[in-house]
Amino acid sequence: EEYNQEHIEGSTLIPVQSLSDNLTALKSLKTRKILVYCHSGNRSAAASRILSDNGFTPINIKGGIIQWKADGLTLTH
């Protein structure tokens, strides 16, 4: 629901509860940094740990979309 309201343009929604089941689909991104975010930053911290534990390089947006908007950055609907 949060993603449908607003999100970073070009992003892909993978809920943290299903992230472990989707790691194979992300395999091509292992050599790239992955921007990870949620609404407030709590779920994205958990997702970042999962990614890191599986050889990915996550960059967690601390404060999530709330902070993103506070910093004046744009979102799409």
PDB file of N, CA and C in Angstrom:
ATOM      1  N   GLU A   1       0.828  -1.198   0.000  1.00  0.00           N
ATOM      2  CA  GLU A   1       0.000   0.000   0.000  1.00  0.00           C
ATOM      3  C   GLU A   1       0.871   1.260   0.000  1.00  0.00           C
ATOM      4  N   GLU A   2       1.926   1.273   0.846  1.00  0.00           N
ATOM      5  CA  GLU A   2       2.812   2.441   0.902  1.00  0.00           C
ATOM      6  C   GLU A   2       3.464   2.690  -0.453  1.00  0.00           C
ATOM      7  N   TYR A   3       3.906   1.624  -1.093  1.00  0.00           N
ATOM      8  CA  TYR A   3       4.573   1.750  -2.389  1.00  0.00           C
ATOM      9  C   TYR A   3       3.630   2.363  -3.421  1.00  0.00           C
ATOM     10  N   ASN A   4       2.363   1.965  -3.404  1.00  0.00           N
ATOM     11  CA  ASN A   4       1.392   2.506  -4.356  1.00  0.00           C
ATOM     12  C   ASN A   4       1.113   3.985  -4.112  1.00  0.00           C
ATOM     13  N   GLN A   5       1.259   4.435  -2.874  1.00  0.00           N
ATOM     14  CA  GLN A   5       1.027   5.842  -2.557  1.00  0.00           C
ATOM     15  C   GLN A   5       2.165   6.718  -3.069  1.00  0.00           C
ATOM     16  N   GLU A   6       3.401   6.271  -2.850  1.00  0.00           N
ATOM     17  CA  GLU A   6       4.574   7.021  -3.299  1.00  0.00           C
ATOM     18  C   GLU A   6       5.807   6.144  -3.189  1.00  0.00           C
ATOM     19  N   HIS A   7       6.709   6.323  -4.147  1.00  0.00           N
ATOM     20  CA  HIS A   7       7.953   5.554  -4.144  1.00  0.00           C
ATOM     21  C   HIS A   7       8.995   6.273  -5.001  1.00  0.00           C
ATOM     22  N   ILE A   8      10.218   5.816  -4.904  1.00  0.00           N
ATOM     23  CA  ILE A   8      11.295   6.373  -5.708  1.00  0.00           C
ATOM     24  C   ILE A   8      11.121   5.866  -7.137  1.00  0.00           C
ATOM     25  N   GLU A   9      11.139   6.774  -8.082  1.00  0.00           N
ATOM     26  CA  GLU A   9      10.931   6.406  -9.483  1.00  0.00           C
ATOM     27  C   GLU A   9      11.958   5.369  -9.928  1.00  0.00           C
ATOM     28  N   GLY A  10      11.480   4.347 -10.622  1.00  0.00           N
ATOM     29  CA  GLY A  10      12.354   3.289 -11.124  1.00  0.00           C
ATOM     30  C   GLY A  10      12.617   2.175 -10.137  1.00  0.00           C
ATOM     31  N   SER A  11      12.069   2.298  -8.945  1.00  0.00           N
ATOM     32  CA  SER A  11      12.306   1.270  -7.926  1.00  0.00           C
ATOM     33  C   SER A  11      11.405   0.063  -8.143  1.00  0.00           C
ATOM     34  N   THR A  12      11.794  -1.045  -7.536  1.00  0.00           N
ATOM     35  CA  THR A  12      11.030  -2.284  -7.598  1.00  0.00           C
ATOM     36  C   THR A  12      10.662  -2.694  -6.188  1.00  0.00           C
ATOM     37  N   LEU A  13       9.412  -3.019  -5.973  1.00  0.00           N
ATOM     38  CA  LEU A  13       8.939  -3.430  -4.655  1.00  0.00           C
ATOM     39  C   LEU A  13       9.238  -4.910  -4.424  1.00  0.00           C
ATOM     40  N   ILE A  14      10.000  -5.196  -3.378  1.00  0.00           N
ATOM     41  CA  ILE A  14      10.180  -6.563  -2.880  1.00  0.00           C
ATOM     42  C   ILE A  14      10.008  -6.473  -1.366  1.00  0.00           C
ATOM     43  N   PRO A  15       8.859  -6.875  -0.850  1.00  0.00           N
ATOM     44  CA  PRO A  15       8.630  -6.800   0.596  1.00  0.00           C
ATOM     45  C   PRO A  15       9.679  -7.600   1.372  1.00  0.00           C
ATOM     46  N   VAL A  16      10.090  -7.075   2.506  1.00  0.00           N
ATOM     47  CA  VAL A  16      11.147  -7.717   3.285  1.00  0.00           C
ATOM     48  C   VAL A  16      10.785  -9.154   3.653  1.00  0.00           C
ATOM     49  N   GLN A  17       9.505  -9.434   3.875  1.00  0.00           N
ATOM     50  CA  GLN A  17       9.108 -10.779   4.266  1.00  0.00           C
ATOM     51  C   GLN A  17       9.260 -11.789   3.122  1.00  0.00           C
ATOM     52  N   SER A  18       9.380 -11.316   1.882  1.00  0.00           N
ATOM     53  CA  SER A  18       9.576 -12.239   0.762  1.00  0.00           C
ATOM     54  C   SER A  18      10.950 -12.072   0.105  1.00  0.00           C
ATOM     55  N   LEU A  19      11.804 -11.240   0.686  1.00  0.00           N
ATOM     56  CA  LEU A  19      13.114 -10.967   0.098  1.00  0.00           C
ATOM     57  C   LEU A  19      13.966 -12.221  -0.029  1.00  0.00           C
ATOM     58  N   SER A  20      14.038 -13.017   1.023  1.00  0.00           N
ATOM     59  CA  SER A  20      14.868 -14.233   0.977  1.00  0.00           C
ATOM     60  C   SER A  20      14.442 -15.153  -0.154  1.00  0.00           C
ATOM     61  N   ASP A  21      13.160 -15.207  -0.452  1.00  0.00           N
ATOM     62  CA  ASP A  21      12.644 -16.059  -1.527  1.00  0.00           C
ATOM     63  C   ASP A  21      12.945 -15.500  -2.913  1.00  0.00           C
ATOM     64  N   ASN A  22      13.352 -14.242  -2.990  1.00  0.00           N
ATOM     65  CA  ASN A  22      13.602 -13.597  -4.280  1.00  0.00           C
ATOM     66  C   ASN A  22      15.078 -13.316  -4.556  1.00  0.00           C
ATOM     67  N   LEU A  23      15.973 -13.819  -3.737  1.00  0.00           N
ATOM     68  CA  LEU A  23      17.388 -13.523  -3.915  1.00  0.00           C
ATOM     69  C   LEU A  23      17.929 -14.044  -5.245  1.00  0.00           C
ATOM     70  N   THR A  24      17.438 -15.174  -5.707  1.00  0.00           N
ATOM     71  CA  THR A  24      17.890 -15.713  -6.989  1.00  0.00           C
ATOM     72  C   THR A  24      17.574 -14.747  -8.125  1.00  0.00           C
ATOM     73  N   ALA A  25      16.416 -14.132  -8.086  1.00  0.00           N
ATOM     74  CA  ALA A  25      16.027 -13.175  -9.119  1.00  0.00           C
ATOM     75  C   ALA A  25      16.917 -11.931  -9.113  1.00  0.00           C
ATOM     76  N   LEU A  26      17.554 -11.667  -7.993  1.00  0.00           N
ATOM     77  CA  LEU A  26      18.420 -10.487  -7.864  1.00  0.00           C
ATOM     78  C   LEU A  26      19.886 -10.800  -8.159  1.00  0.00           C
ATOM     79  N   LYS A  27      20.184 -12.039  -8.498  1.00  0.00           N
ATOM     80  CA  LYS A  27      21.567 -12.487  -8.665  1.00  0.00           C
ATOM     81  C   LYS A  27      22.388 -11.575  -9.580  1.00  0.00           C
ATOM     82  N   SER A  28      21.777 -11.053 -10.627  1.00  0.00           N
ATOM     83  CA  SER A  28      22.509 -10.195 -11.568  1.00  0.00           C
ATOM     84  C   SER A  28      22.932  -8.873 -10.934  1.00  0.00           C
ATOM     85  N   LEU A  29      22.392  -8.552  -9.767  1.00  0.00           N
ATOM     86  CA  LEU A  29      22.729  -7.296  -9.092  1.00  0.00           C
ATOM     87  C   LEU A  29      23.840  -7.444  -8.058  1.00  0.00           C
ATOM     88  N   LYS A  30      24.405  -8.639  -7.918  1.00  0.00           N
ATOM     89  CA  LYS A  30      25.428  -8.851  -6.885  1.00  0.00           C
ATOM     90  C   LYS A  30      26.642  -7.967  -7.066  1.00  0.00           C
ATOM     91  N   THR A  31      26.942  -7.553  -8.270  1.00  0.00           N
ATOM     92  CA  THR A  31      28.106  -6.710  -8.515  1.00  0.00           C
ATOM     93  C   THR A  31      27.781  -5.218  -8.419  1.00  0.00           C
ATOM     94  N   ARG A  32      26.523  -4.900  -8.109  1.00  0.00           N
ATOM     95  CA  ARG A  32      26.092  -3.506  -8.026  1.00  0.00           C
ATOM     96  C   ARG A  32      25.616  -3.168  -6.621  1.00  0.00           C
ATOM     97  N   LYS A  33      25.609  -1.900  -6.297  1.00  0.00           N
ATOM     98  CA  LYS A  33      25.036  -1.447  -5.038  1.00  0.00           C
ATOM     99  C   LYS A  33      23.523  -1.380  -5.202  1.00  0.00           C
ATOM    100  N   ILE A  34      22.797  -1.788  -4.164  1.00  0.00           N
ATOM    101  CA  ILE A  34      21.338  -1.806  -4.213  1.00  0.00           C
ATOM    102  C   ILE A  34      20.803  -0.823  -3.182  1.00  0.00           C
ATOM    103  N   LEU A  35      20.033   0.139  -3.630  1.00  0.00           N
ATOM    104  CA  LEU A  35      19.395   1.113  -2.754  1.00  0.00           C
ATOM    105  C   LEU A  35      18.182   0.447  -2.107  1.00  0.00           C
ATOM    106  N   VAL A  36      18.126   0.463  -0.784  1.00  0.00           N
ATOM    107  CA  VAL A  36      17.073  -0.216  -0.032  1.00  0.00           C
ATOM    108  C   VAL A  36      16.350   0.818   0.826  1.00  0.00           C
ATOM    109  N   TYR A  37      15.024   0.817   0.732  1.00  0.00           N
ATOM    110  CA  TYR A  37      14.266   1.782   1.535  1.00  0.00           C
ATOM    111  C   TYR A  37      12.890   1.249   1.874  1.00  0.00           C
ATOM    112  N   CYS A  38      12.290   1.860   2.865  1.00  0.00           N
ATOM    113  CA  CYS A  38      10.901   1.608   3.244  1.00  0.00           C
ATOM    114  C   CYS A  38      10.334   2.951   3.694  1.00  0.00           C
ATOM    115  N   HIS A  39       9.233   2.940   4.385  1.00  0.00           N
ATOM    116  CA  HIS A  39       8.615   4.202   4.793  1.00  0.00           C
ATOM    117  C   HIS A  39       9.449   4.937   5.842  1.00  0.00           C
ATOM    118  N   SER A  40       9.866   4.225   6.892  1.00  0.00           N
ATOM    119  CA  SER A  40      10.576   4.898   7.989  1.00  0.00           C
ATOM    120  C   SER A  40      12.030   4.470   8.162  1.00  0.00           C
ATOM    121  N   GLY A  41      12.432   3.378   7.526  1.00  0.00           N
ATOM    122  CA  GLY A  41      13.810   2.917   7.632  1.00  0.00           C
ATOM    123  C   GLY A  41      13.995   1.651   8.438  1.00  0.00           C
ATOM    124  N   ASN A  42      12.972   1.190   9.139  1.00  0.00           N
ATOM    125  CA  ASN A  42      13.116  -0.009   9.971  1.00  0.00           C
ATOM    126  C   ASN A  42      13.154  -1.297   9.152  1.00  0.00           C
ATOM    127  N   ARG A  43      12.191  -1.478   8.271  1.00  0.00           N
ATOM    128  CA  ARG A  43      12.156  -2.696   7.443  1.00  0.00           C
ATOM    129  C   ARG A  43      13.335  -2.730   6.480  1.00  0.00           C
ATOM    130  N   SER A  44      13.742  -1.579   5.991  1.00  0.00           N
ATOM    131  CA  SER A  44      14.871  -1.563   5.056  1.00  0.00           C
ATOM    132  C   SER A  44      16.175  -1.951   5.747  1.00  0.00           C
ATOM    133  N   ALA A  45      16.299  -1.670   7.027  1.00  0.00           N
ATOM    134  CA  ALA A  45      17.487  -2.109   7.771  1.00  0.00           C
ATOM    135  C   ALA A  45      17.526  -3.637   7.824  1.00  0.00           C
ATOM    136  N   ALA A  46      16.372  -4.263   8.065  1.00  0.00           N
ATOM    137  CA  ALA A  46      16.297  -5.724   8.071  1.00  0.00           C
ATOM    138  C   ALA A  46      16.599  -6.281   6.680  1.00  0.00           C
ATOM    139  N   ALA A  47      16.047  -5.650   5.646  1.00  0.00           N
ATOM    140  CA  ALA A  47      16.293  -6.093   4.275  1.00  0.00           C
ATOM    141  C   ALA A  47      17.768  -5.945   3.912  1.00  0.00           C
ATOM    142  N   SER A  48      18.391  -4.875   4.356  1.00  0.00           N
ATOM    143  CA  SER A  48      19.814  -4.663   4.093  1.00  0.00           C
ATOM    144  C   SER A  48      20.660  -5.762   4.720  1.00  0.00           C
ATOM    145  N   ARG A  49      20.286  -6.188   5.915  1.00  0.00           N
ATOM    146  CA  ARG A  49      21.029  -7.290   6.564  1.00  0.00           C
ATOM    147  C   ARG A  49      20.890  -8.577   5.763  1.00  0.00           C
ATOM    148  N   ILE A  50      19.699  -8.873   5.288  1.00  0.00           N
ATOM    149  CA  ILE A  50      19.481 -10.079   4.479  1.00  0.00           C
ATOM    150  C   ILE A  50      20.345 -10.017   3.224  1.00  0.00           C
ATOM    151  N   LEU A  51      20.318  -8.891   2.557  1.00  0.00           N
ATOM    152  CA  LEU A  51      21.105  -8.740   1.332  1.00  0.00           C
ATOM    153  C   LEU A  51      22.598  -8.867   1.620  1.00  0.00           C
ATOM    154  N   SER A  52      23.060  -8.185   2.626  1.00  0.00           N
ATOM    155  CA  SER A  52      24.477  -8.232   2.987  1.00  0.00           C
ATOM    156  C   SER A  52      24.921  -9.643   3.344  1.00  0.00           C
ATOM    157  N   ASP A  53      24.102 -10.346   4.105  1.00  0.00           N
ATOM    158  CA  ASP A  53      24.413 -11.722   4.499  1.00  0.00           C
ATOM    159  C   ASP A  53      24.482 -12.668   3.307  1.00  0.00           C
ATOM    160  N   ASN A  54      23.917 -12.256   2.182  1.00  0.00           N
ATOM    161  CA  ASN A  54      23.892 -13.097   0.989  1.00  0.00           C
ATOM    162  C   ASN A  54      24.779 -12.559  -0.134  1.00  0.00           C
ATOM    163  N   GLY A  55      25.738 -11.701   0.219  1.00  0.00           N
ATOM    164  CA  GLY A  55      26.748 -11.260  -0.729  1.00  0.00           C
ATOM    165  C   GLY A  55      26.417 -10.041  -1.567  1.00  0.00           C
ATOM    166  N   PHE A  56      25.328  -9.367  -1.249  1.00  0.00           N
ATOM    167  CA  PHE A  56      24.960  -8.155  -1.976  1.00  0.00           C
ATOM    168  C   PHE A  56      25.532  -6.935  -1.262  1.00  0.00           C
ATOM    169  N   THR A  57      25.512  -5.785  -1.932  1.00  0.00           N
ATOM    170  CA  THR A  57      25.986  -4.536  -1.344  1.00  0.00           C
ATOM    171  C   THR A  57      24.816  -3.565  -1.232  1.00  0.00           C
ATOM    172  N   PRO A  58      24.086  -3.627  -0.116  1.00  0.00           N
ATOM    173  CA  PRO A  58      22.938  -2.732   0.050  1.00  0.00           C
ATOM    174  C   PRO A  58      23.354  -1.361   0.577  1.00  0.00           C
ATOM    175  N   ILE A  59      22.608  -0.370   0.173  1.00  0.00           N
ATOM    176  CA  ILE A  59      22.741   0.974   0.736  1.00  0.00           C
ATOM    177  C   ILE A  59      21.370   1.315   1.303  1.00  0.00           C
ATOM    178  N   ASN A  60      21.278   1.343   2.615  1.00  0.00           N
ATOM    179  CA  ASN A  60      20.009   1.593   3.291  1.00  0.00           C
ATOM    180  C   ASN A  60      19.774   3.096   3.428  1.00  0.00           C
ATOM    181  N   ILE A  61      18.603   3.539   3.011  1.00  0.00           N
ATOM    182  CA  ILE A  61      18.237   4.946   3.183  1.00  0.00           C
ATOM    183  C   ILE A  61      17.722   5.107   4.608  1.00  0.00           C
ATOM    184  N   LYS A  62      18.580   5.630   5.470  1.00  0.00           N
ATOM    185  CA  LYS A  62      18.177   5.838   6.864  1.00  0.00           C
ATOM    186  C   LYS A  62      17.061   6.860   6.934  1.00  0.00           C
ATOM    187  N   GLY A  63      16.040   6.521   7.672  1.00  0.00           N
ATOM    188  CA  GLY A  63      14.883   7.404   7.795  1.00  0.00           C
ATOM    189  C   GLY A  63      13.837   7.183   6.717  1.00  0.00           C
ATOM    190  N   GLY A  64      14.158   6.327   5.740  1.00  0.00           N
ATOM    191  CA  GLY A  64      13.209   5.933   4.710  1.00  0.00           C
ATOM    192  C   GLY A  64      12.647   7.077   3.893  1.00  0.00           C
ATOM    193  N   ILE A  65      11.453   6.837   3.371  1.00  0.00           N
ATOM    194  CA  ILE A  65      10.772   7.831   2.539  1.00  0.00           C
ATOM    195  C   ILE A  65      10.504   9.110   3.321  1.00  0.00           C
ATOM    196  N   ILE A  66      10.272   8.973   4.616  1.00  0.00           N
ATOM    197  CA  ILE A  66      10.036  10.166   5.443  1.00  0.00           C
ATOM    198  C   ILE A  66      11.227  11.112   5.339  1.00  0.00           C
ATOM    199  N   GLN A  67      12.441  10.576   5.497  1.00  0.00           N
ATOM    200  CA  GLN A  67      13.641  11.401   5.413  1.00  0.00           C
ATOM    201  C   GLN A  67      13.899  11.866   3.985  1.00  0.00           C
ATOM    202  N   TRP A  68      13.646  10.992   3.016  1.00  0.00           N
ATOM    203  CA  TRP A  68      13.818  11.322   1.603  1.00  0.00           C
ATOM    204  C   TRP A  68      13.017  12.589   1.265  1.00  0.00           C
ATOM    205  N   LYS A  69      11.746  12.604   1.699  1.00  0.00           N
ATOM    206  CA  LYS A  69      10.898  13.772   1.443  1.00  0.00           C
ATOM    207  C   LYS A  69      11.386  14.993   2.220  1.00  0.00           C
ATOM    208  N   ALA A  70      11.816  14.784   3.460  1.00  0.00           N
ATOM    209  CA  ALA A  70      12.315  15.897   4.273  1.00  0.00           C
ATOM    210  C   ALA A  70      13.546  16.541   3.639  1.00  0.00           C
ATOM    211  N   ASP A  71      14.314  15.736   2.898  1.00  0.00           N
ATOM    212  CA  ASP A  71      15.501  16.246   2.211  1.00  0.00           C
ATOM    213  C   ASP A  71      15.155  16.909   0.880  1.00  0.00           C
ATOM    214  N   GLY A  72      13.854  16.955   0.560  1.00  0.00           N
ATOM    215  CA  GLY A  72      13.403  17.624  -0.655  1.00  0.00           C
ATOM    216  C   GLY A  72      13.552  16.803  -1.922  1.00  0.00           C
ATOM    217  N   LEU A  73      13.760  15.508  -1.784  1.00  0.00           N
ATOM    218  CA  LEU A  73      13.920  14.656  -2.963  1.00  0.00           C
ATOM    219  C   LEU A  73      12.539  14.215  -3.466  1.00  0.00           C
ATOM    220  N   THR A  74      12.453  13.912  -4.745  1.00  0.00           N
ATOM    221  CA  THR A  74      11.159  13.641  -5.355  1.00  0.00           C
ATOM    222  C   THR A  74      10.753  12.176  -5.277  1.00  0.00           C
ATOM    223  N   LEU A  75       9.459  11.967  -5.321  1.00  0.00           N
ATOM    224  CA  LEU A  75       8.840  10.644  -5.334  1.00  0.00           C
ATOM    225  C   LEU A  75       7.827  10.623  -6.462  1.00  0.00           C
ATOM    226  N   THR A  76       7.422   9.426  -6.855  1.00  0.00           N
ATOM    227  CA  THR A  76       6.374   9.268  -7.851  1.00  0.00           C
ATOM    228  C   THR A  76       5.219   8.487  -7.235  1.00  0.00           C
ATOM    229  N   HIS A  77       4.078   8.524  -7.863  1.00  0.00           N
ATOM    230  CA  HIS A  77       2.886   7.844  -7.340  1.00  0.00           C
ATOM    231  C   HIS A  77       2.499   6.688  -8.206  1.00  0.00           C
TER     232      HIS A  77
END
